[in-house]
């Protein structure tokens, strides 16, 4: 749970009251997860030891924000490192490169619902925090292509570039504007 307070004193008071109430139910606050975090931004400039926390896969911390020439420091949420590592683990567990008996549309059928869910959940706030994920997926697809057809990396990239050009919606992450210049285009 996340509780927003007006001051550090108010946060300490609420934390103590919460500890007492949970103790009445034979429960306790998790010592590593329970902390008071200072929401540092352009208007709050004090120095505190904790200025970030993670909740439901999002890491809330001071980040640069703005458009064009007007940038400022805001306390914003974005996909966290633990969530990114969990996504990588999930894709690794699929062992796409070992599925050489499958076709490219089969691989798309496996990966698309997973990426679509991540994108819908994590791109809501600070979508650029997802920039690494399409590159990771493309590297898995590239390895699969190399293994399936016994091609070198250059040949596999050329082939996937051709597929991406003629079937830009085959993989969900190929058709998202964030990824319009994918690694196959950049690398070839």
N, C-alpha and C. Protein backbone atom coordinates (compact mmCIF):
# COMPACT_ATOMS: atom_id res chain seq x y z
N UNK A 1 0.84 -1.17 0.00
CA UNK A 1 0.00 0.00 0.00
C UNK A 1 0.89 1.23 0.00
N UNK A 2 0.42 2.29 -0.60
CA UNK A 2 1.14 3.56 -0.65
C UNK A 2 0.26 4.61 0.01
N UNK A 3 0.84 5.34 0.95
CA UNK A 3 0.10 6.40 1.64
C UNK A 3 0.85 7.71 1.41
N UNK A 4 0.16 8.70 0.86
CA UNK A 4 0.77 10.01 0.63
C UNK A 4 0.48 10.92 1.82
N UNK A 5 1.51 11.63 2.25
CA UNK A 5 1.38 12.51 3.41
C UNK A 5 1.89 13.91 3.06
N UNK A 6 1.50 14.87 3.89
CA UNK A 6 1.91 16.26 3.67
C UNK A 6 3.29 16.56 4.25
N UNK A 7 3.68 15.82 5.30
CA UNK A 7 4.96 16.11 5.96
C UNK A 7 5.58 14.81 6.47
N UNK A 8 6.85 14.88 6.83
CA UNK A 8 7.53 13.71 7.38
C UNK A 8 6.93 13.35 8.74
N UNK A 9 6.57 14.35 9.52
CA UNK A 9 5.95 14.10 10.83
C UNK A 9 4.64 13.33 10.66
N UNK A 10 3.82 13.74 9.72
CA UNK A 10 2.56 13.06 9.46
C UNK A 10 2.82 11.61 9.01
N UNK A 11 3.84 11.41 8.18
CA UNK A 11 4.17 10.07 7.70
C UNK A 11 4.61 9.18 8.86
N UNK A 12 5.42 9.71 9.78
CA UNK A 12 5.87 8.93 10.95
C UNK A 12 4.68 8.56 11.83
N UNK A 13 3.78 9.51 12.03
CA UNK A 13 2.60 9.27 12.87
C UNK A 13 1.72 8.17 12.26
N UNK A 14 1.49 8.24 10.97
CA UNK A 14 0.67 7.23 10.29
C UNK A 14 1.35 5.87 10.33
N UNK A 15 2.67 5.85 10.15
CA UNK A 15 3.41 4.59 10.19
C UNK A 15 3.28 3.93 11.56
N UNK A 16 3.41 4.72 12.63
CA UNK A 16 3.26 4.16 13.98
C UNK A 16 1.84 3.65 14.22
N UNK A 17 0.85 4.41 13.79
CA UNK A 17 -0.56 3.99 13.96
C UNK A 17 -0.83 2.71 13.18
N UNK A 18 -0.26 2.62 12.00
CA UNK A 18 -0.43 1.43 11.17
C UNK A 18 0.23 0.21 11.82
N UNK A 19 1.42 0.40 12.38
CA UNK A 19 2.11 -0.70 13.08
C UNK A 19 1.27 -1.19 14.25
N UNK A 20 0.72 -0.26 15.02
CA UNK A 20 -0.09 -0.63 16.18
C UNK A 20 -1.36 -1.38 15.74
N UNK A 21 -2.01 -0.89 14.71
CA UNK A 21 -3.24 -1.53 14.25
C UNK A 21 -2.97 -2.93 13.70
N UNK A 22 -1.90 -3.08 12.93
CA UNK A 22 -1.55 -4.40 12.40
C UNK A 22 -1.15 -5.36 13.52
N UNK A 23 -0.50 -4.86 14.54
CA UNK A 23 -0.10 -5.70 15.68
C UNK A 23 -1.33 -6.26 16.38
N UNK A 24 -2.41 -5.51 16.43
CA UNK A 24 -3.65 -5.99 17.03
C UNK A 24 -4.21 -7.18 16.26
N UNK A 25 -3.86 -7.30 14.99
CA UNK A 25 -4.33 -8.40 14.15
C UNK A 25 -3.24 -9.47 13.99
N UNK A 26 -2.21 -9.42 14.82
CA UNK A 26 -1.06 -10.33 14.73
C UNK A 26 -0.37 -10.26 13.38
N UNK A 27 -0.28 -9.06 12.83
CA UNK A 27 0.41 -8.81 11.58
C UNK A 27 1.50 -7.76 11.81
N UNK A 28 2.40 -7.63 10.86
CA UNK A 28 3.43 -6.59 10.98
C UNK A 28 3.79 -6.05 9.61
N UNK A 29 4.40 -4.89 9.60
CA UNK A 29 4.86 -4.29 8.36
C UNK A 29 6.15 -4.98 7.94
N UNK A 30 6.34 -5.16 6.66
CA UNK A 30 7.57 -5.77 6.15
C UNK A 30 8.72 -4.78 6.34
N UNK A 31 9.77 -5.17 7.06
CA UNK A 31 10.84 -4.21 7.37
C UNK A 31 11.60 -3.68 6.15
N UNK A 32 11.73 -4.48 5.09
CA UNK A 32 12.46 -4.02 3.90
C UNK A 32 11.59 -3.19 2.97
N UNK A 33 10.29 -3.48 2.96
CA UNK A 33 9.40 -2.80 2.04
C UNK A 33 8.76 -1.54 2.63
N UNK A 34 8.81 -1.40 3.94
CA UNK A 34 8.17 -0.26 4.59
C UNK A 34 9.19 0.85 4.77
N UNK A 35 8.94 1.97 4.12
CA UNK A 35 9.84 3.10 4.26
C UNK A 35 9.11 4.39 3.94
N UNK A 36 9.68 5.46 4.40
CA UNK A 36 9.14 6.78 4.09
C UNK A 36 10.00 7.34 2.98
N UNK A 37 9.36 7.70 1.88
CA UNK A 37 10.06 8.16 0.69
C UNK A 37 9.73 9.63 0.45
N UNK A 38 10.74 10.40 0.16
CA UNK A 38 10.57 11.82 -0.16
C UNK A 38 10.31 11.95 -1.66
N UNK A 39 9.20 12.54 -2.03
CA UNK A 39 8.83 12.70 -3.44
C UNK A 39 9.49 13.96 -4.01
N UNK A 40 10.77 13.83 -4.32
CA UNK A 40 11.56 14.96 -4.81
C UNK A 40 11.16 15.33 -6.23
N UNK A 41 10.94 16.63 -6.45
CA UNK A 41 10.66 17.12 -7.79
C UNK A 41 11.14 18.57 -7.88
N UNK A 42 10.70 19.31 -8.89
CA UNK A 42 11.22 20.67 -9.09
C UNK A 42 10.84 21.61 -7.94
N UNK A 43 9.76 21.31 -7.23
CA UNK A 43 9.33 22.16 -6.12
C UNK A 43 9.82 21.67 -4.77
N UNK A 44 10.17 20.41 -4.65
CA UNK A 44 10.65 19.83 -3.39
C UNK A 44 12.11 19.44 -3.59
N UNK A 45 13.01 20.23 -3.05
CA UNK A 45 14.43 20.07 -3.35
C UNK A 45 15.27 19.61 -2.16
N UNK A 46 14.66 19.25 -1.05
CA UNK A 46 15.43 18.80 0.10
C UNK A 46 16.13 17.47 -0.21
N UNK A 47 17.10 17.14 0.61
CA UNK A 47 17.86 15.90 0.42
C UNK A 47 17.44 14.90 1.49
N UNK A 48 16.99 13.73 1.04
CA UNK A 48 16.58 12.64 1.91
C UNK A 48 17.21 11.35 1.39
N UNK A 49 17.38 10.35 2.26
CA UNK A 49 18.03 9.12 1.80
C UNK A 49 17.19 8.31 0.81
N UNK A 50 15.88 8.29 0.97
CA UNK A 50 15.02 7.51 0.08
C UNK A 50 14.18 8.45 -0.78
N UNK A 51 14.41 8.38 -2.10
CA UNK A 51 13.63 9.21 -3.01
C UNK A 51 12.98 8.37 -4.12
N UNK A 52 12.92 7.04 -3.92
CA UNK A 52 12.31 6.18 -4.92
C UNK A 52 11.68 4.97 -4.24
N UNK A 53 10.63 4.46 -4.86
CA UNK A 53 10.02 3.22 -4.39
C UNK A 53 9.39 2.51 -5.58
N UNK A 54 9.17 1.21 -5.43
CA UNK A 54 8.56 0.40 -6.48
C UNK A 54 7.22 -0.13 -5.97
N UNK A 55 6.21 -0.02 -6.83
CA UNK A 55 4.87 -0.48 -6.48
C UNK A 55 4.20 -1.00 -7.74
N UNK A 56 3.73 -2.24 -7.70
CA UNK A 56 3.04 -2.89 -8.81
C UNK A 56 3.83 -2.83 -10.13
N UNK A 57 5.15 -3.02 -10.04
CA UNK A 57 5.99 -3.05 -11.22
C UNK A 57 6.50 -1.70 -11.68
N UNK A 58 5.94 -0.62 -11.16
CA UNK A 58 6.39 0.73 -11.50
C UNK A 58 7.37 1.23 -10.45
N UNK A 59 8.42 1.90 -10.90
CA UNK A 59 9.34 2.56 -9.99
C UNK A 59 9.03 4.04 -10.03
N UNK A 60 8.72 4.60 -8.90
CA UNK A 60 8.42 6.02 -8.76
C UNK A 60 9.69 6.69 -8.27
N UNK A 61 10.18 7.68 -9.00
CA UNK A 61 11.39 8.39 -8.60
C UNK A 61 11.48 9.70 -9.37
N UNK A 62 12.41 10.58 -8.96
CA UNK A 62 12.58 11.83 -9.71
C UNK A 62 13.09 11.53 -11.12
N UNK A 63 12.42 12.08 -12.12
CA UNK A 63 12.81 11.88 -13.52
C UNK A 63 12.64 13.20 -14.27
N UNK A 64 13.45 13.35 -15.30
CA UNK A 64 13.29 14.52 -16.15
C UNK A 64 12.04 14.34 -16.99
N UNK A 65 11.31 15.42 -17.15
CA UNK A 65 10.08 15.39 -17.94
C UNK A 65 9.97 16.70 -18.70
N UNK A 66 9.02 16.74 -19.61
CA UNK A 66 8.80 17.96 -20.36
C UNK A 66 8.81 17.70 -21.84
N UNK A 67 8.58 18.76 -22.59
CA UNK A 67 8.59 18.66 -24.04
C UNK A 67 9.47 19.74 -24.61
N UNK A 68 10.17 19.40 -25.68
CA UNK A 68 11.01 20.38 -26.37
C UNK A 68 12.08 20.98 -25.48
N UNK A 69 12.07 22.29 -25.38
CA UNK A 69 13.11 22.98 -24.60
C UNK A 69 12.72 23.16 -23.14
N UNK A 70 11.48 22.87 -22.80
CA UNK A 70 11.00 23.06 -21.42
C UNK A 70 11.09 21.73 -20.67
N UNK A 71 12.18 21.52 -19.92
CA UNK A 71 12.35 20.31 -19.13
C UNK A 71 12.32 20.65 -17.65
N UNK A 72 11.85 19.73 -16.86
CA UNK A 72 11.80 19.92 -15.42
C UNK A 72 11.92 18.57 -14.73
N UNK A 73 12.15 18.60 -13.43
CA UNK A 73 12.25 17.38 -12.64
C UNK A 73 10.88 17.07 -12.04
N UNK A 74 10.39 15.88 -12.30
CA UNK A 74 9.10 15.46 -11.76
C UNK A 74 9.24 14.13 -11.05
N UNK A 75 8.36 13.85 -10.12
CA UNK A 75 8.34 12.56 -9.42
C UNK A 75 7.38 11.68 -10.20
N UNK A 76 7.94 10.84 -11.06
CA UNK A 76 7.13 10.10 -12.03
C UNK A 76 7.34 8.59 -11.93
N UNK A 77 6.37 7.85 -12.42
CA UNK A 77 6.45 6.39 -12.44
C UNK A 77 6.84 5.91 -13.82
N UNK A 78 7.58 4.81 -13.83
CA UNK A 78 7.95 4.15 -15.09
C UNK A 78 8.20 2.69 -14.76
N UNK A 79 8.25 1.88 -15.79
CA UNK A 79 8.53 0.46 -15.60
C UNK A 79 9.83 0.30 -14.83
N UNK A 80 9.80 -0.50 -13.78
CA UNK A 80 10.97 -0.67 -12.94
C UNK A 80 11.93 -1.74 -13.43
N UNK A 81 13.13 -1.74 -12.86
CA UNK A 81 14.16 -2.71 -13.25
C UNK A 81 13.74 -4.14 -12.92
N UNK A 82 13.10 -4.34 -11.78
CA UNK A 82 12.65 -5.70 -11.43
C UNK A 82 11.62 -6.20 -12.42
N UNK A 83 10.73 -5.31 -12.84
CA UNK A 83 9.72 -5.69 -13.83
C UNK A 83 10.39 -6.01 -15.17
N UNK A 84 11.41 -5.22 -15.53
CA UNK A 84 12.14 -5.49 -16.77
C UNK A 84 12.83 -6.85 -16.70
N UNK A 85 13.46 -7.13 -15.58
CA UNK A 85 14.14 -8.42 -15.42
C UNK A 85 13.14 -9.57 -15.47
N UNK A 86 11.97 -9.37 -14.89
CA UNK A 86 10.93 -10.42 -14.94
C UNK A 86 10.47 -10.64 -16.38
N UNK A 87 10.35 -9.56 -17.16
CA UNK A 87 9.97 -9.70 -18.57
C UNK A 87 11.04 -10.48 -19.33
N UNK A 88 12.31 -10.14 -19.09
CA UNK A 88 13.41 -10.86 -19.75
C UNK A 88 13.39 -12.34 -19.38
N UNK A 89 13.15 -12.61 -18.11
CA UNK A 89 13.09 -13.99 -17.64
C UNK A 89 11.95 -14.76 -18.32
N UNK A 90 10.82 -14.09 -18.48
CA UNK A 90 9.67 -14.75 -19.13
C UNK A 90 9.98 -15.09 -20.58
N UNK A 91 10.60 -14.15 -21.30
CA UNK A 91 10.95 -14.40 -22.70
C UNK A 91 12.02 -15.49 -22.78
N UNK A 92 12.99 -15.46 -21.89
CA UNK A 92 14.03 -16.49 -21.86
C UNK A 92 13.43 -17.87 -21.61
N UNK A 93 12.46 -17.92 -20.71
CA UNK A 93 11.83 -19.20 -20.36
C UNK A 93 11.06 -19.81 -21.54
N UNK A 94 10.64 -18.99 -22.48
CA UNK A 94 9.94 -19.50 -23.66
C UNK A 94 10.85 -20.28 -24.60
N UNK A 95 12.16 -20.03 -24.49
CA UNK A 95 13.18 -20.72 -25.31
C UNK A 95 12.80 -20.69 -26.78
N UNK A 96 12.57 -19.49 -27.26
CA UNK A 96 12.16 -19.28 -28.65
C UNK A 96 13.18 -19.87 -29.62
N UNK A 97 14.46 -19.69 -29.36
CA UNK A 97 15.47 -20.16 -30.32
C UNK A 97 15.47 -21.67 -30.47
N UNK A 98 14.90 -22.39 -29.51
CA UNK A 98 14.83 -23.86 -29.59
C UNK A 98 13.57 -24.34 -30.31
N UNK A 99 12.74 -23.43 -30.74
CA UNK A 99 11.48 -23.81 -31.42
C UNK A 99 11.64 -23.70 -32.94
N UNK A 100 12.71 -24.24 -33.45
CA UNK A 100 12.98 -24.13 -34.89
C UNK A 100 11.99 -24.94 -35.73
N UNK A 101 11.23 -25.79 -35.13
CA UNK A 101 10.20 -26.53 -35.86
C UNK A 101 8.96 -25.67 -36.13
N UNK A 102 8.89 -24.51 -35.49
CA UNK A 102 7.74 -23.61 -35.66
C UNK A 102 7.98 -22.64 -36.81
N UNK A 103 6.90 -22.01 -37.28
CA UNK A 103 7.01 -20.98 -38.33
C UNK A 103 7.08 -19.61 -37.66
N UNK A 104 7.43 -18.59 -38.44
CA UNK A 104 7.50 -17.23 -37.90
C UNK A 104 6.13 -16.75 -37.38
N UNK A 105 5.02 -17.02 -38.09
CA UNK A 105 3.72 -16.66 -37.52
C UNK A 105 3.42 -17.38 -36.19
N UNK A 106 3.93 -18.60 -36.04
CA UNK A 106 3.76 -19.30 -34.75
C UNK A 106 4.50 -18.56 -33.63
N UNK A 107 5.71 -18.12 -33.94
CA UNK A 107 6.49 -17.37 -32.95
C UNK A 107 5.77 -16.07 -32.61
N UNK A 108 5.21 -15.41 -33.62
CA UNK A 108 4.44 -14.19 -33.39
C UNK A 108 3.23 -14.50 -32.51
N UNK A 109 2.57 -15.63 -32.75
CA UNK A 109 1.41 -16.03 -31.97
C UNK A 109 1.78 -16.23 -30.49
N UNK A 110 2.99 -16.68 -30.23
CA UNK A 110 3.46 -16.88 -28.86
C UNK A 110 3.83 -15.55 -28.20
N UNK A 111 4.57 -14.70 -28.92
CA UNK A 111 5.10 -13.47 -28.33
C UNK A 111 4.10 -12.31 -28.28
N UNK A 112 3.22 -12.21 -29.26
CA UNK A 112 2.34 -11.04 -29.34
C UNK A 112 1.46 -10.80 -28.12
N UNK A 113 0.76 -11.80 -27.59
CA UNK A 113 -0.08 -11.51 -26.42
C UNK A 113 0.74 -11.06 -25.21
N UNK A 114 1.94 -11.60 -25.08
CA UNK A 114 2.80 -11.24 -23.95
C UNK A 114 3.21 -9.77 -24.08
N UNK A 115 3.74 -9.41 -25.25
CA UNK A 115 4.18 -8.02 -25.43
C UNK A 115 3.00 -7.06 -25.36
N UNK A 116 1.86 -7.44 -25.94
CA UNK A 116 0.68 -6.57 -25.92
C UNK A 116 0.28 -6.25 -24.48
N UNK A 117 0.30 -7.26 -23.62
CA UNK A 117 -0.03 -7.03 -22.21
C UNK A 117 0.96 -6.11 -21.53
N UNK A 118 2.25 -6.35 -21.75
CA UNK A 118 3.28 -5.47 -21.15
C UNK A 118 3.10 -4.05 -21.64
N UNK A 119 2.89 -3.92 -22.94
CA UNK A 119 2.78 -2.58 -23.51
C UNK A 119 1.56 -1.85 -22.97
N UNK A 120 0.45 -2.52 -22.88
CA UNK A 120 -0.77 -1.88 -22.36
C UNK A 120 -0.60 -1.46 -20.91
N UNK A 121 0.09 -2.27 -20.12
CA UNK A 121 0.25 -1.95 -18.71
C UNK A 121 1.34 -0.91 -18.47
N UNK A 122 2.51 -1.11 -19.06
CA UNK A 122 3.66 -0.27 -18.72
C UNK A 122 3.81 0.98 -19.58
N UNK A 123 3.13 1.09 -20.71
CA UNK A 123 3.31 2.28 -21.53
C UNK A 123 2.34 3.40 -21.16
N UNK A 124 1.49 3.13 -20.22
CA UNK A 124 0.53 4.14 -19.80
C UNK A 124 1.23 5.39 -19.25
N UNK A 125 2.29 5.18 -18.49
CA UNK A 125 3.08 6.27 -17.94
C UNK A 125 4.52 6.08 -18.39
N UNK A 126 5.13 7.10 -18.87
CA UNK A 126 6.55 7.09 -19.26
C UNK A 126 6.84 5.93 -20.21
N UNK A 127 6.23 5.92 -21.38
CA UNK A 127 6.37 4.78 -22.30
C UNK A 127 7.79 4.51 -22.77
N UNK A 128 8.67 5.51 -22.71
CA UNK A 128 10.05 5.28 -23.16
C UNK A 128 10.77 4.28 -22.27
N UNK A 129 10.23 3.99 -21.09
CA UNK A 129 10.85 2.99 -20.23
C UNK A 129 10.74 1.59 -20.83
N UNK A 130 9.90 1.44 -21.87
CA UNK A 130 9.76 0.15 -22.55
C UNK A 130 10.66 0.02 -23.77
N UNK A 131 11.47 1.02 -24.07
CA UNK A 131 12.28 1.02 -25.29
C UNK A 131 13.17 -0.21 -25.44
N UNK A 132 13.66 -0.75 -24.35
CA UNK A 132 14.58 -1.89 -24.43
C UNK A 132 13.85 -3.18 -24.82
N UNK A 133 12.61 -3.32 -24.48
CA UNK A 133 11.89 -4.58 -24.67
C UNK A 133 11.78 -4.99 -26.14
N UNK A 134 11.39 -4.12 -27.06
CA UNK A 134 11.33 -4.54 -28.46
C UNK A 134 12.69 -5.01 -29.00
N UNK A 135 13.76 -4.37 -28.57
CA UNK A 135 15.09 -4.79 -29.01
C UNK A 135 15.41 -6.19 -28.48
N UNK A 136 15.01 -6.45 -27.25
CA UNK A 136 15.23 -7.79 -26.67
C UNK A 136 14.43 -8.84 -27.44
N UNK A 137 13.17 -8.52 -27.76
CA UNK A 137 12.34 -9.46 -28.52
C UNK A 137 12.93 -9.69 -29.91
N UNK A 138 13.37 -8.62 -30.55
CA UNK A 138 13.96 -8.76 -31.88
C UNK A 138 15.23 -9.61 -31.85
N UNK A 139 16.00 -9.50 -30.79
CA UNK A 139 17.21 -10.33 -30.71
C UNK A 139 16.83 -11.80 -30.58
N UNK A 140 15.75 -12.10 -29.88
CA UNK A 140 15.28 -13.49 -29.77
C UNK A 140 14.78 -13.99 -31.13
N UNK A 141 14.05 -13.14 -31.84
CA UNK A 141 13.54 -13.52 -33.17
C UNK A 141 14.72 -13.73 -34.13
N UNK A 142 15.71 -12.87 -34.03
CA UNK A 142 16.90 -13.01 -34.87
C UNK A 142 17.62 -14.33 -34.60
N UNK A 143 17.79 -14.68 -33.34
CA UNK A 143 18.44 -15.95 -32.98
C UNK A 143 17.62 -17.13 -33.50
N UNK A 144 16.30 -17.03 -33.39
CA UNK A 144 15.44 -18.09 -33.89
C UNK A 144 15.64 -18.26 -35.39
N UNK A 145 15.67 -17.15 -36.13
CA UNK A 145 15.85 -17.18 -37.58
C UNK A 145 17.18 -17.81 -37.95
N UNK A 146 18.23 -17.41 -37.25
CA UNK A 146 19.56 -17.96 -37.52
C UNK A 146 19.57 -19.48 -37.30
N UNK A 147 18.95 -19.90 -36.22
CA UNK A 147 18.96 -21.32 -35.89
C UNK A 147 18.09 -22.14 -36.85
N UNK A 148 16.91 -21.62 -37.17
CA UNK A 148 15.98 -22.35 -38.03
C UNK A 148 16.55 -22.57 -39.43
N UNK A 149 17.15 -21.52 -39.98
CA UNK A 149 17.61 -21.60 -41.36
C UNK A 149 19.13 -21.78 -41.50
N UNK A 150 19.83 -21.90 -40.39
CA UNK A 150 21.30 -22.02 -40.39
C UNK A 150 21.94 -20.88 -41.17
N UNK A 151 21.46 -19.67 -40.90
CA UNK A 151 21.98 -18.48 -41.56
C UNK A 151 22.91 -17.74 -40.63
N UNK A 152 23.80 -16.94 -41.22
CA UNK A 152 24.61 -16.06 -40.38
C UNK A 152 23.76 -14.85 -39.98
N UNK A 153 24.28 -14.04 -39.09
CA UNK A 153 23.48 -12.93 -38.54
C UNK A 153 23.09 -11.92 -39.62
N UNK A 154 24.00 -11.61 -40.53
CA UNK A 154 23.72 -10.62 -41.57
C UNK A 154 22.57 -11.09 -42.47
N UNK A 155 22.61 -12.34 -42.88
CA UNK A 155 21.56 -12.90 -43.75
C UNK A 155 20.22 -12.91 -43.00
N UNK A 156 20.24 -13.31 -41.74
CA UNK A 156 19.01 -13.36 -40.94
C UNK A 156 18.42 -11.96 -40.77
N UNK A 157 19.27 -10.96 -40.54
CA UNK A 157 18.78 -9.58 -40.39
C UNK A 157 18.13 -9.10 -41.67
N UNK A 158 18.77 -9.39 -42.81
CA UNK A 158 18.20 -8.98 -44.10
C UNK A 158 16.84 -9.62 -44.32
N UNK A 159 16.74 -10.88 -44.01
CA UNK A 159 15.49 -11.60 -44.18
C UNK A 159 14.40 -11.02 -43.29
N UNK A 160 14.73 -10.77 -42.03
CA UNK A 160 13.73 -10.21 -41.10
C UNK A 160 13.36 -8.78 -41.47
N UNK A 161 14.30 -8.03 -42.02
CA UNK A 161 13.99 -6.69 -42.50
C UNK A 161 12.95 -6.76 -43.61
N UNK A 162 13.11 -7.72 -44.49
CA UNK A 162 12.16 -7.91 -45.58
C UNK A 162 10.78 -8.29 -45.03
N UNK A 163 10.74 -9.19 -44.08
CA UNK A 163 9.47 -9.59 -43.45
C UNK A 163 8.84 -8.39 -42.76
N UNK A 164 9.67 -7.62 -42.05
CA UNK A 164 9.17 -6.45 -41.33
C UNK A 164 8.61 -5.42 -42.30
N UNK A 165 9.21 -5.29 -43.46
CA UNK A 165 8.75 -4.32 -44.46
C UNK A 165 7.39 -4.72 -45.05
N UNK A 166 7.22 -6.01 -45.36
CA UNK A 166 6.00 -6.47 -46.03
C UNK A 166 4.91 -6.93 -45.07
N UNK A 167 5.29 -7.23 -43.83
CA UNK A 167 4.30 -7.62 -42.81
C UNK A 167 4.58 -6.86 -41.52
N UNK A 168 4.41 -5.54 -41.52
CA UNK A 168 4.78 -4.74 -40.35
C UNK A 168 3.94 -5.02 -39.10
N UNK A 169 2.83 -5.72 -39.25
CA UNK A 169 1.99 -6.01 -38.09
C UNK A 169 2.12 -7.46 -37.63
N UNK A 170 3.05 -8.20 -38.21
CA UNK A 170 3.22 -9.61 -37.81
C UNK A 170 3.52 -9.70 -36.31
N UNK A 171 4.46 -8.90 -35.85
CA UNK A 171 4.76 -8.80 -34.43
C UNK A 171 4.23 -7.47 -33.93
N UNK A 172 3.57 -7.48 -32.80
CA UNK A 172 2.95 -6.27 -32.25
C UNK A 172 3.98 -5.17 -32.08
N UNK A 173 5.16 -5.50 -31.58
CA UNK A 173 6.15 -4.47 -31.30
C UNK A 173 6.73 -3.84 -32.57
N UNK A 174 6.54 -4.46 -33.72
CA UNK A 174 6.99 -3.87 -34.97
C UNK A 174 6.07 -2.72 -35.39
N UNK A 175 4.82 -2.77 -35.02
CA UNK A 175 3.86 -1.78 -35.49
C UNK A 175 3.65 -0.63 -34.51
N UNK A 176 4.32 -0.64 -33.39
CA UNK A 176 4.18 0.43 -32.40
C UNK A 176 5.12 1.56 -32.78
N UNK A 177 4.64 2.80 -32.84
CA UNK A 177 5.48 3.93 -33.26
C UNK A 177 6.80 4.03 -32.48
N UNK A 178 6.77 3.65 -31.23
CA UNK A 178 7.97 3.69 -30.38
C UNK A 178 9.09 2.88 -31.01
N UNK A 179 8.72 1.87 -31.78
CA UNK A 179 9.70 0.94 -32.32
C UNK A 179 9.78 1.00 -33.85
N UNK A 180 9.39 2.12 -34.44
CA UNK A 180 9.34 2.18 -35.89
C UNK A 180 10.72 2.03 -36.53
N UNK A 181 11.78 2.39 -35.84
CA UNK A 181 13.13 2.15 -36.33
C UNK A 181 13.75 1.02 -35.55
N UNK A 182 13.31 -0.17 -35.81
CA UNK A 182 13.76 -1.36 -35.08
C UNK A 182 15.21 -1.69 -35.34
N UNK A 183 15.75 -2.62 -34.57
CA UNK A 183 17.15 -2.96 -34.69
C UNK A 183 17.52 -3.59 -36.03
N UNK A 184 16.55 -4.20 -36.73
CA UNK A 184 16.87 -4.78 -38.02
C UNK A 184 17.18 -3.67 -39.02
N UNK A 185 16.43 -2.60 -38.98
CA UNK A 185 16.68 -1.48 -39.89
C UNK A 185 17.98 -0.78 -39.52
N UNK A 186 18.19 -0.62 -38.23
CA UNK A 186 19.38 0.08 -37.76
C UNK A 186 20.64 -0.72 -38.02
N UNK A 187 20.55 -2.03 -37.88
CA UNK A 187 21.74 -2.86 -37.94
C UNK A 187 22.14 -3.23 -39.38
N UNK A 188 21.21 -3.16 -40.32
CA UNK A 188 21.53 -3.60 -41.68
C UNK A 188 22.02 -2.43 -42.49
